[in-house]
Amino acid sequence: MDFTGKRILLVEDDKTLNFIIRDNLEEAGYSVTATEDGEKALVAFDGDEFDLCLFDVMLPRLDGFSLAKKVREKNQQIPILFLTAKSLTEDKISGFALGGDDYITKPFSMEELLMRIRVFLRRSQPQPAETEEISSCKVGHFDFFFDNLTLQDKSEKRTLTYKEAELLKYFCENSNTVLSRSEILKNVWGSDDYYLGRSLDVFISRLRKYLKSDPNIKIINLHGIGFRFNAPIERK
């Protein structure tokens, strides 16, 4: 799949790293808008259309977490990838995952960053329909519509991020089946490395929270193996 010309919003306050990342992204064929603080990035986001956001977490004027939250209020689908320092605590990781799809820890190789970007751009593109795939279904007492990223019951309609919806879709397609962590990561994130595994735990916690009003839906953690999504599924 050719991603030449795809637009990326890069926000990194380290001028040298900002230049290096932008230069490598443009060399790979991407169109990059680069800023060095969160407020300028938000102005840029409001004034143009982008295919992916790449945010440092520790930014002046508006930090990466807050920036992602504001972006999510305007666009639920665009992939958001964070650049983080190893010193970030687990609760901070959980916090930024509320607005982002994944993170990459500094220092990182440009090859790894480019791979992650390709994975998210590929998975955010409309895919041709296949007979086994679910575009909408009833999950317990919830109605799940993957195409417009919504999960609703009689009392609430929730708009999911693209990655939340993709994970729930994969669980629905493989309900009541033991799934290894590696299977889930490869099918939803495109890779099964350690850092993506930490993201998976955060996203599963979020899905449990969204679905907790139906006691018939359970995401069971099978220690050392993976997960099993137990739920009544009715395809539409």
Protein backbone atom coordinates (compact mmCIF):
# COMPACT_ATOMS: atom_id res chain seq x y z
CA MET A 1 0.00 0.00 0.00
CA ASP A 2 1.41 3.38 -1.04
CA PHE A 3 1.31 6.09 1.65
CA THR A 4 3.15 8.73 -0.39
CA GLY A 5 1.75 12.17 0.33
CA LYS A 6 -0.05 11.15 3.52
CA ARG A 7 -0.12 14.12 5.88
CA ILE A 8 1.46 13.85 9.33
CA LEU A 9 1.25 16.41 12.13
CA LEU A 10 4.52 16.21 14.10
CA VAL A 11 4.91 17.95 17.47
CA GLU A 12 8.32 17.70 19.14
CA ASP A 13 9.91 20.52 21.17
CA ASP A 14 13.48 19.25 20.78
CA LYS A 15 14.53 21.15 17.67
CA THR A 16 17.19 18.65 16.64
CA LEU A 17 14.89 15.62 17.02
CA ASN A 18 12.08 17.54 15.33
CA PHE A 19 14.32 18.16 12.32
CA ILE A 20 15.58 14.56 12.18
CA ILE A 21 12.09 13.05 12.35
CA ARG A 22 10.67 15.48 9.81
CA ASP A 23 13.57 14.91 7.43
CA ASN A 24 13.19 11.13 7.61
CA LEU A 25 9.42 11.26 7.18
CA GLU A 26 9.69 13.52 4.15
CA GLU A 27 12.41 11.27 2.73
CA ALA A 28 9.92 8.39 3.08
CA GLY A 29 7.37 10.35 1.04
CA TYR A 30 5.14 11.83 3.74
CA SER A 31 3.94 15.43 3.85
CA VAL A 32 4.85 16.78 7.29
CA THR A 33 3.65 19.79 9.26
CA ALA A 34 6.02 20.20 12.20
CA THR A 35 5.60 22.39 15.28
CA GLU A 36 7.41 22.67 18.61
CA ASP A 37 4.55 23.30 21.06
CA GLY A 38 1.04 22.01 21.66
CA GLU A 39 -0.87 25.24 21.07
CA LYS A 40 0.67 25.77 17.62
CA ALA A 41 -0.07 22.14 16.83
CA LEU A 42 -3.74 22.58 17.73
CA VAL A 43 -3.96 25.62 15.46
CA ALA A 44 -2.35 23.59 12.67
CA PHE A 45 -4.76 20.69 13.24
CA ASP A 46 -7.77 23.02 13.07
CA GLY A 47 -6.51 24.57 9.86
CA ASP A 48 -5.71 21.49 7.82
CA GLU A 49 -6.49 17.79 7.36
CA PHE A 50 -4.08 15.10 8.54
CA ASP A 51 -3.82 11.33 8.28
CA LEU A 52 -1.80 10.72 11.47
CA CYS A 53 -0.59 12.65 14.52
CA LEU A 54 2.83 12.17 16.09
CA PHE A 55 3.01 13.92 19.48
CA ASP A 56 5.77 14.23 22.03
CA VAL A 57 4.28 14.01 25.52
CA MET A 58 6.30 16.71 27.30
CA LEU A 59 5.47 19.84 25.30
CA PRO A 60 5.47 23.54 26.20
CA ARG A 61 2.21 25.52 26.42
CA LEU A 62 -0.02 22.46 25.87
CA ASP A 63 1.26 18.98 26.74
CA GLY A 64 0.79 15.98 24.48
CA PHE A 65 -1.92 14.40 26.65
CA SER A 66 -4.04 17.56 26.61
CA LEU A 67 -3.40 18.05 22.91
CA ALA A 68 -4.55 14.50 22.15
CA LYS A 69 -7.71 15.02 24.19
CA LYS A 70 -8.57 18.16 22.20
CA VAL A 71 -7.82 16.39 18.92
CA ARG A 72 -10.06 13.49 19.97
CA GLU A 73 -12.93 15.93 20.60
CA LYS A 74 -12.69 16.93 16.95
CA ASN A 75 -11.70 13.64 15.32
CA GLN A 76 -12.16 10.16 16.81
CA GLN A 77 -10.59 8.27 13.94
CA ILE A 78 -7.19 9.79 13.25
CA PRO A 79 -4.33 7.64 14.62
CA ILE A 80 -2.33 9.32 17.41
CA LEU A 81 1.15 7.99 18.18
CA PHE A 82 3.05 9.34 21.20
CA LEU A 83 6.79 9.82 21.61
CA THR A 84 7.57 9.19 25.29
CA ALA A 85 10.48 9.12 27.70
CA LYS A 86 11.28 5.91 29.55
CA SER A 87 10.71 7.74 32.86
CA LEU A 88 6.94 7.92 32.32
CA THR A 89 5.02 6.12 35.05
CA GLU A 90 2.36 3.52 34.37
CA ASP A 91 -0.48 5.83 35.37
CA LYS A 92 0.78 8.41 32.88
CA ILE A 93 0.86 5.73 30.19
CA SER A 94 -2.73 4.85 31.08
CA GLY A 95 -3.63 8.52 30.94
CA PHE A 96 -2.27 9.30 27.50
CA ALA A 97 -3.76 6.10 26.11
CA LEU A 98 -7.17 7.67 26.69
CA GLY A 99 -6.45 9.89 23.72
CA GLY A 100 -3.80 8.01 21.81
CA ASP A 101 -3.55 4.76 19.90
CA ASP A 102 0.00 3.79 20.79
CA TYR A 103 3.39 5.06 21.92
CA ILE A 104 7.02 4.62 21.05
CA THR A 105 9.70 5.06 23.71
CA LYS A 106 12.78 7.24 23.24
CA PRO A 107 15.39 6.52 22.09
CA PHE A 108 13.98 4.77 19.04
CA SER A 109 15.22 3.95 15.56
CA MET A 110 13.71 5.70 12.58
CA GLU A 111 13.07 2.28 11.05
CA GLU A 112 10.86 1.39 14.02
CA LEU A 113 9.02 4.72 13.85
CA LEU A 114 8.38 4.37 10.13
CA MET A 115 7.14 0.81 10.64
CA ARG A 116 4.70 1.93 13.34
CA ILE A 117 3.42 4.76 11.14
CA ARG A 118 2.84 2.38 8.22
CA VAL A 119 0.93 -0.02 10.47
CA PHE A 120 -1.43 2.68 11.72
CA LEU A 121 -1.96 4.27 8.31
CA ARG A 122 -2.70 0.88 6.79
CA ARG A 123 -5.18 -0.01 9.50
CA SER A 124 -6.93 3.37 9.37
CA GLN A 125 -7.70 3.03 5.67
CA PRO A 126 -11.08 1.64 4.56
CA GLN A 127 -10.72 -2.07 3.91
CA PRO A 128 -12.63 -4.08 1.32
CA ALA A 129 -15.51 -6.02 2.81
CA GLU A 130 -14.96 -9.71 3.52
CA THR A 131 -17.63 -12.18 4.38
CA GLU A 132 -16.07 -13.14 7.73
CA GLU A 133 -15.61 -9.59 8.93
CA ILE A 134 -18.06 -7.80 11.19
CA SER A 135 -19.15 -4.28 10.31
CA SER A 136 -21.98 -4.21 12.83
CA CYS A 137 -23.32 -6.58 15.45
CA LYS A 138 -25.15 -6.87 18.72
CA VAL A 139 -22.81 -7.52 21.65
CA GLY A 140 -24.90 -8.47 24.65
CA HIS A 141 -27.28 -5.56 25.05
CA PHE A 142 -24.99 -3.22 23.08
CA ASP A 143 -25.16 -2.33 19.39
CA PHE A 144 -21.69 -2.05 17.89
CA PHE A 145 -21.15 -0.31 14.54
CA PHE A 146 -17.54 -0.61 13.41
CA ASP A 147 -17.94 1.56 10.32
CA ASN A 148 -18.87 4.65 12.33
CA LEU A 149 -17.02 3.64 15.52
CA THR A 150 -20.05 3.64 17.82
CA LEU A 151 -21.09 1.46 20.74
CA GLN A 152 -24.54 2.09 22.16
CA ASP A 153 -27.24 0.74 24.41
CA LYS A 154 -30.57 2.19 25.49
CA SER A 155 -29.00 4.78 27.77
CA GLU A 156 -25.76 5.83 26.08
CA LYS A 157 -24.07 6.18 22.71
CA ARG A 158 -20.26 6.16 22.83
CA THR A 159 -17.89 7.06 20.02
CA LEU A 160 -14.82 4.81 20.12
CA THR A 161 -11.35 5.60 18.89
CA TYR A 162 -10.36 3.64 15.80
CA LYS A 163 -8.08 1.36 17.80
CA GLU A 164 -10.77 0.68 20.43
CA ALA A 165 -13.20 -0.23 17.68
CA GLU A 166 -10.69 -2.43 15.88
CA LEU A 167 -9.90 -4.36 19.08
CA LEU A 168 -13.59 -4.85 19.89
CA LYS A 169 -14.23 -5.94 16.31
CA TYR A 170 -11.48 -8.56 16.54
CA PHE A 171 -12.91 -9.85 19.82
CA CYS A 172 -16.41 -10.06 18.30
CA GLU A 173 -15.11 -11.98 15.29
CA ASN A 174 -13.40 -14.41 17.68
CA SER A 175 -15.83 -14.48 20.59
CA ASN A 176 -15.70 -17.33 23.12
CA THR A 177 -12.29 -18.34 21.74
CA VAL A 178 -8.92 -18.38 23.49
CA LEU A 179 -6.71 -15.75 21.84
CA SER A 180 -3.01 -15.41 22.60
CA ARG A 181 -1.58 -11.96 23.25
CA SER A 182 0.57 -12.41 20.16
CA GLU A 183 -2.46 -13.16 17.96
CA ILE A 184 -4.29 -10.06 19.17
CA LEU A 185 -1.30 -7.78 18.78
CA LYS A 186 -0.41 -9.01 15.31
CA ASN A 187 -3.98 -8.75 14.04
CA VAL A 188 -4.87 -5.41 15.62
CA TRP A 189 -1.50 -3.63 15.95
CA GLY A 190 0.50 -5.45 13.29
CA SER A 191 3.32 -6.43 15.67
CA ASP A 192 3.69 -8.16 19.04
CA ASP A 193 6.58 -6.30 20.66
CA TYR A 194 6.75 -5.51 24.38
CA TYR A 195 5.61 -1.89 24.25
CA LEU A 196 2.56 -2.70 22.14
CA GLY A 197 1.73 -5.35 24.72
CA ARG A 198 1.50 -2.66 27.39
CA SER A 199 -0.87 -0.72 25.13
CA LEU A 200 -3.06 -3.81 24.75
CA ASP A 201 -3.54 -4.02 28.52
CA VAL A 202 -4.70 -0.41 28.64
CA PHE A 203 -7.14 -0.86 25.76
CA ILE A 204 -8.62 -4.01 27.29
CA SER A 205 -9.18 -2.15 30.55
CA ARG A 206 -11.04 0.53 28.64
CA LEU A 207 -13.26 -1.98 26.82
CA ARG A 208 -14.10 -3.65 30.13
CA LYS A 209 -15.19 -0.28 31.48
CA TYR A 210 -17.36 0.46 28.43
CA LEU A 211 -19.06 -2.97 28.56
CA LYS A 212 -19.39 -3.43 32.32
CA SER A 213 -23.14 -2.69 32.42
CA ASP A 214 -23.79 -6.09 30.79
CA PRO A 215 -22.75 -8.93 33.15
CA ASN A 216 -22.93 -11.41 30.24
CA ILE A 217 -19.89 -9.79 28.63
CA LYS A 218 -16.49 -10.67 30.07
CA ILE A 219 -12.94 -10.25 28.84
CA ILE A 220 -11.18 -13.03 30.72
CA ASN A 221 -7.45 -12.80 31.33
CA LEU A 222 -5.85 -16.24 30.92
CA HIS A 223 -2.56 -15.86 32.76
CA GLY A 224 0.43 -16.64 30.59
CA ILE A 225 -1.77 -17.34 27.57
CA GLY A 226 -3.92 -14.41 26.52
CA PHE A 227 -7.61 -13.53 26.66
CA ARG A 228 -11.05 -14.92 25.95
CA PHE A 229 -13.92 -12.60 25.01
CA ASN A 230 -17.06 -14.20 26.38
CA ALA A 231 -20.15 -12.49 24.99
CA PRO A 232 -23.37 -13.27 23.10
CA ILE A 233 -22.79 -11.98 19.55
CA GLU A 234 -25.50 -11.48 16.96
CA ARG A 235 -24.30 -10.43 13.54
CA LYS A 236 -26.43 -7.92 11.65
